[in-house]
Amino acid sequence: MPSLREVVAALERRYPLQTAEDWDAVGLVSGVPDQTVDRVLWAMDPVEAVADEAIAAGADLIVTHHPLFLTGVHSVAATTPKGRLIHRLISSGIALYAAHTNADVATPGVSDALASALGVTPTEPLTETGLGRIGTLAAPMTLAQFAQIVAAETPWTAHGVRVAGDPERIVQRVAVCGGSGDSLLGRADELDADVYVTADLKHHRTLDHREDGRCAVIDIAHWASEWPWLPQAAALLIDDLAAQDATVTCTVSSRPTDPWAFTVRSPE
């Protein structure tokens, strides 16, 4: 079994810390570098339900996409949810690691995983920094048909799949950005995308975009747009460690951590 230090080194070869945004907080959050790692649980968010799952599975390490602490803290007392979580993980001997915006820009990374899930190939970044991807579908189809694929190939959420555009519009060139991709809406159009798939799109920006007759837009839940990265990254870690004659077991969390539980629609 590899040490935590060796697992962290493998992760950081894939997702270098220096490629994360300046505001981000990535890397090892807790854990003893010399401890051995047999089981790794991959999850989107470091929350209590994920800790429950890690403990039940006998995991030695949790790797999450979203960091536990994004801002400076002066206390990790068990008087807050984050404090209680870190105490629980430490007392259970479970390390915690986060790969966030450095995983967003990696190749392969978060947007590669989303593109692959939707059948979009080959791909290239939307920006020079490596954010987002753009590619093509194997065959053209209507926007409505593609939206059905998006719904089928991403995890279910109460948010669902929201579409802005003519359902009968033919689409084949597809831009994607896992996570909050509002800032790249214009870039997708500049690169002649027929449709852009991302999360956290803003009302006014989307309205103005569509009024200008630009590409169609599909908005999915933030959690669902990034989840495909987990099995991709888990498989890469297994392969990278195997190349060093080390073995770990990886499990992708089955707990949905999207915060929205259900929706209620007004009568038409």
C-alpha atoms as a PDB file:
ATOM      1  CA  MET A   1       0.000   0.000   0.000  1.00  0.00           C
ATOM      2  CA  PRO A   2       1.299   3.498  -0.780  1.00  0.00           C
ATOM      3  CA  SER A   3       1.763   6.176   1.831  1.00  0.00           C
ATOM      4  CA  LEU A   4      -0.425   9.255   1.889  1.00  0.00           C
ATOM      5  CA  ARG A   5       2.648  11.181   0.754  1.00  0.00           C
ATOM      6  CA  GLU A   6       2.905   8.993  -2.355  1.00  0.00           C
ATOM      7  CA  VAL A   7      -0.794   9.322  -3.136  1.00  0.00           C
ATOM      8  CA  VAL A   8      -0.625  13.104  -2.770  1.00  0.00           C
ATOM      9  CA  ALA A   9       2.400  13.205  -5.096  1.00  0.00           C
ATOM     10  CA  ALA A  10       0.460  11.225  -7.710  1.00  0.00           C
ATOM     11  CA  LEU A  11      -2.542  13.545  -7.413  1.00  0.00           C
ATOM     12  CA  GLU A  12      -0.379  16.635  -7.730  1.00  0.00           C
ATOM     13  CA  ARG A  13       1.323  15.355 -10.855  1.00  0.00           C
ATOM     14  CA  ARG A  14      -2.148  15.244 -12.421  1.00  0.00           C
ATOM     15  CA  TYR A  15      -3.430  18.403 -10.751  1.00  0.00           C
ATOM     16  CA  PRO A  16      -0.482  20.697  -9.940  1.00  0.00           C
ATOM     17  CA  LEU A  17      -1.192  23.063  -7.060  1.00  0.00           C
ATOM     18  CA  GLN A  18       0.269  26.025  -8.951  1.00  0.00           C
ATOM     19  CA  THR A  19      -2.420  25.782 -11.634  1.00  0.00           C
ATOM     20  CA  ALA A  20      -5.199  26.517  -9.124  1.00  0.00           C
ATOM     21  CA  GLU A  21      -6.718  29.989  -8.991  1.00  0.00           C
ATOM     22  CA  ASP A  22      -5.138  32.379  -6.471  1.00  0.00           C
ATOM     23  CA  TRP A  23      -8.312  32.427  -4.361  1.00  0.00           C
ATOM     24  CA  ASP A  24      -8.582  28.653  -4.231  1.00  0.00           C
ATOM     25  CA  ALA A  25      -7.586  26.326  -1.373  1.00  0.00           C
ATOM     26  CA  VAL A  26      -6.370  23.005  -2.748  1.00  0.00           C
ATOM     27  CA  GLY A  27      -4.139  20.198  -1.568  1.00  0.00           C
ATOM     28  CA  LEU A  28      -3.899  18.158   1.610  1.00  0.00           C
ATOM     29  CA  VAL A  29      -6.312  19.436   4.250  1.00  0.00           C
ATOM     30  CA  SER A  30      -5.622  16.876   6.957  1.00  0.00           C
ATOM     31  CA  GLY A  31      -3.721  13.632   7.348  1.00  0.00           C
ATOM     32  CA  VAL A  32      -0.328  12.228   8.343  1.00  0.00           C
ATOM     33  CA  PRO A  33       1.953  11.920   5.287  1.00  0.00           C
ATOM     34  CA  ASP A  34       3.448   8.628   6.473  1.00  0.00           C
ATOM     35  CA  GLN A  35       0.106   6.890   7.005  1.00  0.00           C
ATOM     36  CA  THR A  36      -0.699   4.132   4.520  1.00  0.00           C
ATOM     37  CA  VAL A  37      -3.614   4.427   2.114  1.00  0.00           C
ATOM     38  CA  ASP A  38      -5.588   1.368   1.108  1.00  0.00           C
ATOM     39  CA  ARG A  39      -9.040   2.783   0.314  1.00  0.00           C
ATOM     40  CA  VAL A  40      -9.880   6.147  -1.252  1.00  0.00           C
ATOM     41  CA  LEU A  41     -13.365   7.647  -1.389  1.00  0.00           C
ATOM     42  CA  TRP A  42     -13.983  10.259  -4.090  1.00  0.00           C
ATOM     43  CA  ALA A  43     -16.739  12.846  -3.587  1.00  0.00           C
ATOM     44  CA  MET A  44     -17.778  16.302  -4.719  1.00  0.00           C
ATOM     45  CA  ASP A  45     -18.184  17.885  -1.297  1.00  0.00           C
ATOM     46  CA  PRO A  46     -16.587  17.375   2.134  1.00  0.00           C
ATOM     47  CA  VAL A  47     -19.789  17.045   4.153  1.00  0.00           C
ATOM     48  CA  GLU A  48     -21.083  14.857   6.980  1.00  0.00           C
ATOM     49  CA  ALA A  49     -22.834  12.360   4.683  1.00  0.00           C
ATOM     50  CA  VAL A  50     -19.556  11.774   2.838  1.00  0.00           C
ATOM     51  CA  ALA A  51     -17.721  11.294   6.146  1.00  0.00           C
ATOM     52  CA  ASP A  52     -20.369   8.706   7.110  1.00  0.00           C
ATOM     53  CA  GLU A  53     -19.756   6.878   3.861  1.00  0.00           C
ATOM     54  CA  ALA A  54     -15.970   6.990   4.257  1.00  0.00           C
ATOM     55  CA  ILE A  55     -16.124   5.593   7.782  1.00  0.00           C
ATOM     56  CA  ALA A  56     -18.529   2.831   6.758  1.00  0.00           C
ATOM     57  CA  ALA A  57     -16.275   1.899   3.818  1.00  0.00           C
ATOM     58  CA  GLY A  58     -13.100   1.879   5.900  1.00  0.00           C
ATOM     59  CA  ALA A  59     -11.553   4.601   3.734  1.00  0.00           C
ATOM     60  CA  ASP A  60      -8.168   6.059   4.646  1.00  0.00           C
ATOM     61  CA  LEU A  61      -8.514   9.106   2.390  1.00  0.00           C
ATOM     62  CA  ILE A  62     -11.302  11.258   0.978  1.00  0.00           C
ATOM     63  CA  VAL A  63     -10.553  13.202  -2.190  1.00  0.00           C
ATOM     64  CA  THR A  64     -13.084  15.937  -2.906  1.00  0.00           C
ATOM     65  CA  HIS A  65     -13.422  18.444  -5.699  1.00  0.00           C
ATOM     66  CA  HIS A  66     -14.694  21.262  -3.502  1.00  0.00           C
ATOM     67  CA  PRO A  67     -12.439  22.426  -0.652  1.00  0.00           C
ATOM     68  CA  LEU A  68     -13.487  22.294   2.999  1.00  0.00           C
ATOM     69  CA  PHE A  69     -12.023  25.719   3.785  1.00  0.00           C
ATOM     70  CA  LEU A  70     -12.066  28.388   1.057  1.00  0.00           C
ATOM     71  CA  THR A  71     -11.287  31.242   3.421  1.00  0.00           C
ATOM     72  CA  GLY A  72      -8.893  31.598   6.336  1.00  0.00           C
ATOM     73  CA  VAL A  73     -10.007  30.177   9.658  1.00  0.00           C
ATOM     74  CA  HIS A  74      -8.865  30.881  13.222  1.00  0.00           C
ATOM     75  CA  SER A  75     -10.438  27.828  14.800  1.00  0.00           C
ATOM     76  CA  VAL A  76     -11.420  24.277  13.912  1.00  0.00           C
ATOM     77  CA  ALA A  77     -13.271  23.721  17.175  1.00  0.00           C
ATOM     78  CA  ALA A  78     -16.115  21.234  16.937  1.00  0.00           C
ATOM     79  CA  THR A  79     -18.643  24.031  17.346  1.00  0.00           C
ATOM     80  CA  THR A  80     -19.297  24.438  13.617  1.00  0.00           C
ATOM     81  CA  PRO A  81     -20.150  21.884  10.892  1.00  0.00           C
ATOM     82  CA  LYS A  82     -16.701  22.219   9.314  1.00  0.00           C
ATOM     83  CA  GLY A  83     -14.974  21.958  12.678  1.00  0.00           C
ATOM     84  CA  ARG A  84     -16.956  18.875  13.625  1.00  0.00           C
ATOM     85  CA  LEU A  85     -16.164  17.303  10.270  1.00  0.00           C
ATOM     86  CA  ILE A  86     -12.416  17.804  10.558  1.00  0.00           C
ATOM     87  CA  HIS A  87     -12.401  16.438  14.113  1.00  0.00           C
ATOM     88  CA  ARG A  88     -14.385  13.417  13.021  1.00  0.00           C
ATOM     89  CA  LEU A  89     -12.062  12.653  10.117  1.00  0.00           C
ATOM     90  CA  ILE A  90      -8.933  13.016  12.227  1.00  0.00           C
ATOM     91  CA  SER A  91     -10.308  10.833  15.025  1.00  0.00           C
ATOM     92  CA  SER A  92     -11.245   8.217  12.400  1.00  0.00           C
ATOM     93  CA  GLY A  93      -7.805   8.280  10.791  1.00  0.00           C
ATOM     94  CA  ILE A  94      -9.169   9.553   7.482  1.00  0.00           C
ATOM     95  CA  ALA A  95      -7.145  12.091   5.507  1.00  0.00           C
ATOM     96  CA  LEU A  96      -8.792  14.771   3.360  1.00  0.00           C
ATOM     97  CA  TYR A  97      -7.526  16.173   0.067  1.00  0.00           C
ATOM     98  CA  ALA A  98      -9.073  18.694  -2.363  1.00  0.00           C
ATOM     99  CA  ALA A  99      -8.430  19.199  -6.087  1.00  0.00           C
ATOM    100  CA  HIS A 100     -10.575  22.104  -7.304  1.00  0.00           C
ATOM    101  CA  THR A 101      -9.665  24.677  -9.957  1.00  0.00           C
ATOM    102  CA  ASN A 102      -6.429  22.785 -10.640  1.00  0.00           C
ATOM    103  CA  ALA A 103      -8.635  19.845 -11.664  1.00  0.00           C
ATOM    104  CA  ASP A 104     -10.794  22.202 -13.755  1.00  0.00           C
ATOM    105  CA  VAL A 105      -7.868  23.147 -16.012  1.00  0.00           C
ATOM    106  CA  ALA A 106      -6.137  19.765 -16.078  1.00  0.00           C
ATOM    107  CA  THR A 107      -6.025  17.528 -19.145  1.00  0.00           C
ATOM    108  CA  PRO A 108      -7.922  15.337 -18.628  1.00  0.00           C
ATOM    109  CA  GLY A 109      -9.951  17.252 -16.104  1.00  0.00           C
ATOM    110  CA  VAL A 110     -13.447  18.226 -15.067  1.00  0.00           C
ATOM    111  CA  SER A 111     -14.647  19.510 -18.429  1.00  0.00           C
ATOM    112  CA  ASP A 112     -13.083  16.599 -20.329  1.00  0.00           C
ATOM    113  CA  ALA A 113     -15.123  14.240 -18.176  1.00  0.00           C
ATOM    114  CA  LEU A 114     -18.337  16.167 -18.845  1.00  0.00           C
ATOM    115  CA  ALA A 115     -17.651  16.298 -22.587  1.00  0.00           C
ATOM    116  CA  SER A 116     -16.944  12.577 -22.704  1.00  0.00           C
ATOM    117  CA  ALA A 117     -20.136  11.765 -20.809  1.00  0.00           C
ATOM    118  CA  LEU A 118     -22.129  13.722 -23.392  1.00  0.00           C
ATOM    119  CA  GLY A 119     -20.410  12.150 -26.395  1.00  0.00           C
ATOM    120  CA  VAL A 120     -18.495  15.296 -27.373  1.00  0.00           C
ATOM    121  CA  THR A 121     -15.179  14.573 -29.148  1.00  0.00           C
ATOM    122  CA  PRO A 122     -12.483  15.560 -29.918  1.00  0.00           C
ATOM    123  CA  THR A 123     -12.118  18.503 -27.609  1.00  0.00           C
ATOM    124  CA  GLU A 124      -9.963  21.561 -27.047  1.00  0.00           C
ATOM    125  CA  PRO A 125     -10.045  24.179 -24.273  1.00  0.00           C
ATOM    126  CA  LEU A 126     -12.336  27.177 -24.471  1.00  0.00           C
ATOM    127  CA  THR A 127      -9.610  29.395 -22.989  1.00  0.00           C
ATOM    128  CA  GLU A 128      -5.788  29.542 -22.948  1.00  0.00           C
ATOM    129  CA  THR A 129      -5.827  28.772 -19.243  1.00  0.00           C
ATOM    130  CA  GLY A 130      -7.482  25.440 -19.970  1.00  0.00           C
ATOM    131  CA  LEU A 131     -11.046  26.077 -18.821  1.00  0.00           C
ATOM    132  CA  GLY A 132     -13.943  24.398 -20.609  1.00  0.00           C
ATOM    133  CA  ARG A 133     -13.907  22.240 -23.715  1.00  0.00           C
ATOM    134  CA  ILE A 134     -15.403  22.407 -27.206  1.00  0.00           C
ATOM    135  CA  GLY A 135     -15.855  19.577 -29.681  1.00  0.00           C
ATOM    136  CA  THR A 136     -18.438  17.822 -31.808  1.00  0.00           C
ATOM    137  CA  LEU A 137     -21.102  15.162 -31.523  1.00  0.00           C
ATOM    138  CA  ALA A 138     -20.798  12.081 -33.732  1.00  0.00           C
ATOM    139  CA  ALA A 139     -23.928  13.160 -35.593  1.00  0.00           C
ATOM    140  CA  PRO A 140     -26.127  16.265 -35.664  1.00  0.00           C
ATOM    141  CA  MET A 141     -29.388  16.213 -33.714  1.00  0.00           C
ATOM    142  CA  THR A 142     -32.028  18.589 -32.469  1.00  0.00           C
ATOM    143  CA  LEU A 143     -31.469  20.614 -29.326  1.00  0.00           C
ATOM    144  CA  ALA A 144     -34.338  18.722 -27.697  1.00  0.00           C
ATOM    145  CA  GLN A 145     -32.692  15.378 -28.473  1.00  0.00           C
ATOM    146  CA  PHE A 146     -29.345  16.562 -27.126  1.00  0.00           C
ATOM    147  CA  ALA A 147     -30.992  17.861 -23.957  1.00  0.00           C
ATOM    148  CA  GLN A 148     -32.361  14.351 -23.420  1.00  0.00           C
ATOM    149  CA  ILE A 149     -28.803  13.001 -23.639  1.00  0.00           C
ATOM    150  CA  VAL A 150     -27.621  15.580 -21.114  1.00  0.00           C
ATOM    151  CA  ALA A 151     -30.392  14.525 -18.741  1.00  0.00           C
ATOM    152  CA  ALA A 152     -29.612  10.832 -19.180  1.00  0.00           C
ATOM    153  CA  GLU A 153     -25.828  11.084 -18.856  1.00  0.00           C
ATOM    154  CA  THR A 154     -25.557  13.383 -15.836  1.00  0.00           C
ATOM    155  CA  PRO A 155     -26.770  12.585 -12.314  1.00  0.00           C
ATOM    156  CA  TRP A 156     -30.370  13.351 -11.399  1.00  0.00           C
ATOM    157  CA  THR A 157     -30.914  16.570  -9.450  1.00  0.00           C
ATOM    158  CA  ALA A 158     -33.944  18.594  -8.448  1.00  0.00           C
ATOM    159  CA  HIS A 159     -32.530  21.391 -10.623  1.00  0.00           C
ATOM    160  CA  GLY A 160     -32.980  19.260 -13.722  1.00  0.00           C
ATOM    161  CA  VAL A 161     -31.861  20.320 -17.199  1.00  0.00           C
ATOM    162  CA  ARG A 162     -32.889  23.819 -18.272  1.00  0.00           C
ATOM    163  CA  VAL A 163     -32.688  24.730 -21.935  1.00  0.00           C
ATOM    164  CA  ALA A 164     -32.637  28.119 -23.663  1.00  0.00           C
ATOM    165  CA  GLY A 165     -33.137  27.814 -27.406  1.00  0.00           C
ATOM    166  CA  ASP A 166     -35.353  26.435 -30.154  1.00  0.00           C
ATOM    167  CA  PRO A 167     -36.012  22.722 -29.440  1.00  0.00           C
ATOM    168  CA  GLU A 168     -35.817  21.968 -33.177  1.00  0.00           C
ATOM    169  CA  ARG A 169     -32.480  23.731 -33.675  1.00  0.00           C
ATOM    170  CA  ILE A 170     -29.848  21.355 -35.091  1.00  0.00           C
ATOM    171  CA  VAL A 171     -26.754  21.090 -32.916  1.00  0.00           C
ATOM    172  CA  GLN A 172     -23.430  19.297 -33.376  1.00  0.00           C
ATOM    173  CA  ARG A 173     -20.651  21.625 -32.188  1.00  0.00           C
ATOM    174  CA  VAL A 174     -20.846  21.594 -28.382  1.00  0.00           C
ATOM    175  CA  ALA A 175     -19.065  23.656 -25.726  1.00  0.00           C
ATOM    176  CA  VAL A 176     -19.028  22.536 -22.097  1.00  0.00           C
ATOM    177  CA  CYS A 177     -17.697  23.826 -18.804  1.00  0.00           C
ATOM    178  CA  GLY A 178     -18.049  21.810 -15.625  1.00  0.00           C
ATOM    179  CA  GLY A 179     -19.015  24.036 -12.704  1.00  0.00           C
ATOM    180  CA  SER A 180     -19.812  27.739 -12.893  1.00  0.00           C
ATOM    181  CA  GLY A 181     -19.375  28.604 -16.560  1.00  0.00           C
ATOM    182  CA  ASP A 182     -21.313  31.856 -16.809  1.00  0.00           C
ATOM    183  CA  SER A 183     -18.182  33.847 -17.668  1.00  0.00           C
ATOM    184  CA  LEU A 184     -17.492  31.681 -20.744  1.00  0.00           C
ATOM    185  CA  LEU A 185     -20.908  32.099 -22.356  1.00  0.00           C
ATOM    186  CA  GLY A 186     -19.601  34.621 -24.865  1.00  0.00           C
ATOM    187  CA  ARG A 187     -16.492  32.548 -25.544  1.00  0.00           C
ATOM    188  CA  ALA A 188     -18.596  29.517 -26.494  1.00  0.00           C
ATOM    189  CA  ASP A 189     -20.387  31.648 -29.059  1.00  0.00           C
ATOM    190  CA  GLU A 190     -17.125  33.092 -30.402  1.00  0.00           C
ATOM    191  CA  LEU A 191     -15.951  29.546 -31.108  1.00  0.00           C
ATOM    192  CA  ASP A 192     -19.131  28.825 -33.085  1.00  0.00           C
ATOM    193  CA  ALA A 193     -20.694  26.419 -30.626  1.00  0.00           C
ATOM    194  CA  ASP A 194     -24.241  25.390 -31.462  1.00  0.00           C
ATOM    195  CA  VAL A 195     -24.957  24.786 -27.781  1.00  0.00           C
ATOM    196  CA  TYR A 196     -23.168  25.439 -24.486  1.00  0.00           C
ATOM    197  CA  VAL A 197     -23.590  23.150 -21.458  1.00  0.00           C
ATOM    198  CA  THR A 198     -22.603  24.424 -18.018  1.00  0.00           C
ATOM    199  CA  ALA A 199     -23.954  25.369 -14.580  1.00  0.00           C
ATOM    200  CA  ASP A 200     -24.859  28.460 -12.555  1.00  0.00           C
ATOM    201  CA  LEU A 201     -25.895  30.599 -15.514  1.00  0.00           C
ATOM    202  CA  LYS A 202     -27.215  34.036 -14.598  1.00  0.00           C
ATOM    203  CA  HIS A 203     -30.615  35.285 -15.703  1.00  0.00           C
ATOM    204  CA  HIS A 204     -29.613  38.588 -17.284  1.00  0.00           C
ATOM    205  CA  ARG A 205     -26.522  37.316 -19.049  1.00  0.00           C
ATOM    206  CA  THR A 206     -28.441  34.359 -20.497  1.00  0.00           C
ATOM    207  CA  LEU A 207     -31.366  36.564 -21.531  1.00  0.00           C
ATOM    208  CA  ASP A 208     -29.090  39.034 -23.331  1.00  0.00           C
ATOM    209  CA  HIS A 209     -27.205  36.163 -24.956  1.00  0.00           C
ATOM    210  CA  ARG A 210     -30.364  34.622 -26.357  1.00  0.00           C
ATOM    211  CA  GLU A 211     -31.800  38.004 -27.449  1.00  0.00           C
ATOM    212  CA  ASP A 212     -28.694  38.405 -29.618  1.00  0.00           C
ATOM    213  CA  GLY A 213     -29.539  35.123 -31.348  1.00  0.00           C
ATOM    214  CA  ARG A 214     -26.441  33.358 -30.096  1.00  0.00           C
ATOM    215  CA  CYS A 215     -25.862  29.679 -29.366  1.00  0.00           C
ATOM    216  CA  ALA A 216     -28.364  27.625 -27.415  1.00  0.00           C
ATOM    217  CA  VAL A 217     -27.676  27.114 -23.712  1.00  0.00           C
ATOM    218  CA  ILE A 218     -28.202  24.162 -21.379  1.00  0.00           C
ATOM    219  CA  ASP A 219     -27.947  24.829 -17.654  1.00  0.00           C
ATOM    220  CA  ILE A 220     -27.525  21.886 -15.264  1.00  0.00           C
ATOM    221  CA  ALA A 221     -26.835  21.695 -11.531  1.00  0.00           C
ATOM    222  CA  HIS A 222     -23.311  22.626 -10.443  1.00  0.00           C
ATOM    223  CA  TRP A 223     -22.871  19.274  -8.668  1.00  0.00           C
ATOM    224  CA  ALA A 224     -24.116  17.275 -11.650  1.00  0.00           C
ATOM    225  CA  SER A 225     -21.867  19.121 -14.115  1.00  0.00           C
ATOM    226  CA  GLU A 226     -18.723  18.203 -12.155  1.00  0.00           C
ATOM    227  CA  TRP A 227     -19.636  14.721 -10.904  1.00  0.00           C
ATOM    228  CA  PRO A 228     -18.388  12.877 -14.056  1.00  0.00           C
ATOM    229  CA  TRP A 229     -14.854  13.896 -13.065  1.00  0.00           C
ATOM    230  CA  LEU A 230     -14.913  11.645  -9.999  1.00  0.00           C
ATOM    231  CA  PRO A 231     -14.833   8.231 -11.744  1.00  0.00           C
ATOM    232  CA  GLN A 232     -12.392   9.604 -14.320  1.00  0.00           C
ATOM    233  CA  ALA A 233      -9.980  10.870 -11.659  1.00  0.00           C
ATOM    234  CA  ALA A 234     -10.345   7.719  -9.552  1.00  0.00           C
ATOM    235  CA  ALA A 235      -9.386   5.514 -12.508  1.00  0.00           C
ATOM    236  CA  LEU A 236      -6.379   7.724 -13.288  1.00  0.00           C
ATOM    237  CA  LEU A 237      -5.129   7.507  -9.701  1.00  0.00           C
ATOM    238  CA  ILE A 238      -5.356   3.713  -9.765  1.00  0.00           C
ATOM    239  CA  ASP A 239      -3.376   3.610 -13.024  1.00  0.00           C
ATOM    240  CA  ASP A 240      -0.769   6.139 -11.869  1.00  0.00           C
ATOM    241  CA  LEU A 241      -0.096   4.253  -8.645  1.00  0.00           C
ATOM    242  CA  ALA A 242      -0.056   0.900 -10.412  1.00  0.00           C
ATOM    243  CA  ALA A 243       2.774   2.230 -12.593  1.00  0.00           C
ATOM    244  CA  GLN A 244       4.721   2.598  -9.324  1.00  0.00           C
ATOM    245  CA  ASP A 245       3.774  -0.923  -8.167  1.00  0.00           C
ATOM    246  CA  ALA A 246       1.328   0.496  -5.632  1.00  0.00           C
ATOM    247  CA  THR A 247      -2.310  -0.443  -5.237  1.00  0.00           C
ATOM    248  CA  VAL A 248      -5.321   1.395  -3.858  1.00  0.00           C
ATOM    249  CA  THR A 249      -9.032   0.715  -3.982  1.00  0.00           C
ATOM    250  CA  CYS A 250     -11.103   3.686  -5.155  1.00  0.00           C
ATOM    251  CA  THR A 251     -14.812   4.179  -4.612  1.00  0.00           C
ATOM    252  CA  VAL A 252     -16.903   7.040  -5.963  1.00  0.00           C
ATOM    253  CA  SER A 253     -19.392   8.354  -3.427  1.00  0.00           C
ATOM    254  CA  SER A 254     -22.974   7.354  -4.045  1.00  0.00           C
ATOM    255  CA  ARG A 255     -24.282  10.193  -1.879  1.00  0.00           C
ATOM    256  CA  PRO A 256     -25.671  13.125  -3.911  1.00  0.00           C
ATOM    257  CA  THR A 257     -24.516  16.322  -2.224  1.00  0.00           C
ATOM    258  CA  ASP A 258     -26.363  18.779  -4.438  1.00  0.00           C
ATOM    259  CA  PRO A 259     -28.017  21.084  -1.862  1.00  0.00           C
ATOM    260  CA  TRP A 260     -31.450  21.272  -3.532  1.00  0.00           C
ATOM    261  CA  ALA A 261     -33.852  18.526  -2.452  1.00  0.00           C
ATOM    262  CA  PHE A 262     -36.927  19.076  -4.611  1.00  0.00           C
ATOM    263  CA  THR A 263     -38.778  21.570  -6.785  1.00  0.00           C
ATOM    264  CA  VAL A 264     -42.415  22.652  -6.818  1.00  0.00           C
ATOM    265  CA  ARG A 265     -43.754  24.069 -10.065  1.00  0.00           C
ATOM    266  CA  SER A 266     -46.503  26.677 -10.185  1.00  0.00           C
ATOM    267  CA  PRO A 267     -49.717  25.676 -12.004  1.00  0.00           C
ATOM    268  CA  GLU A 268     -49.590  26.727 -15.633  1.00  0.00           C
END
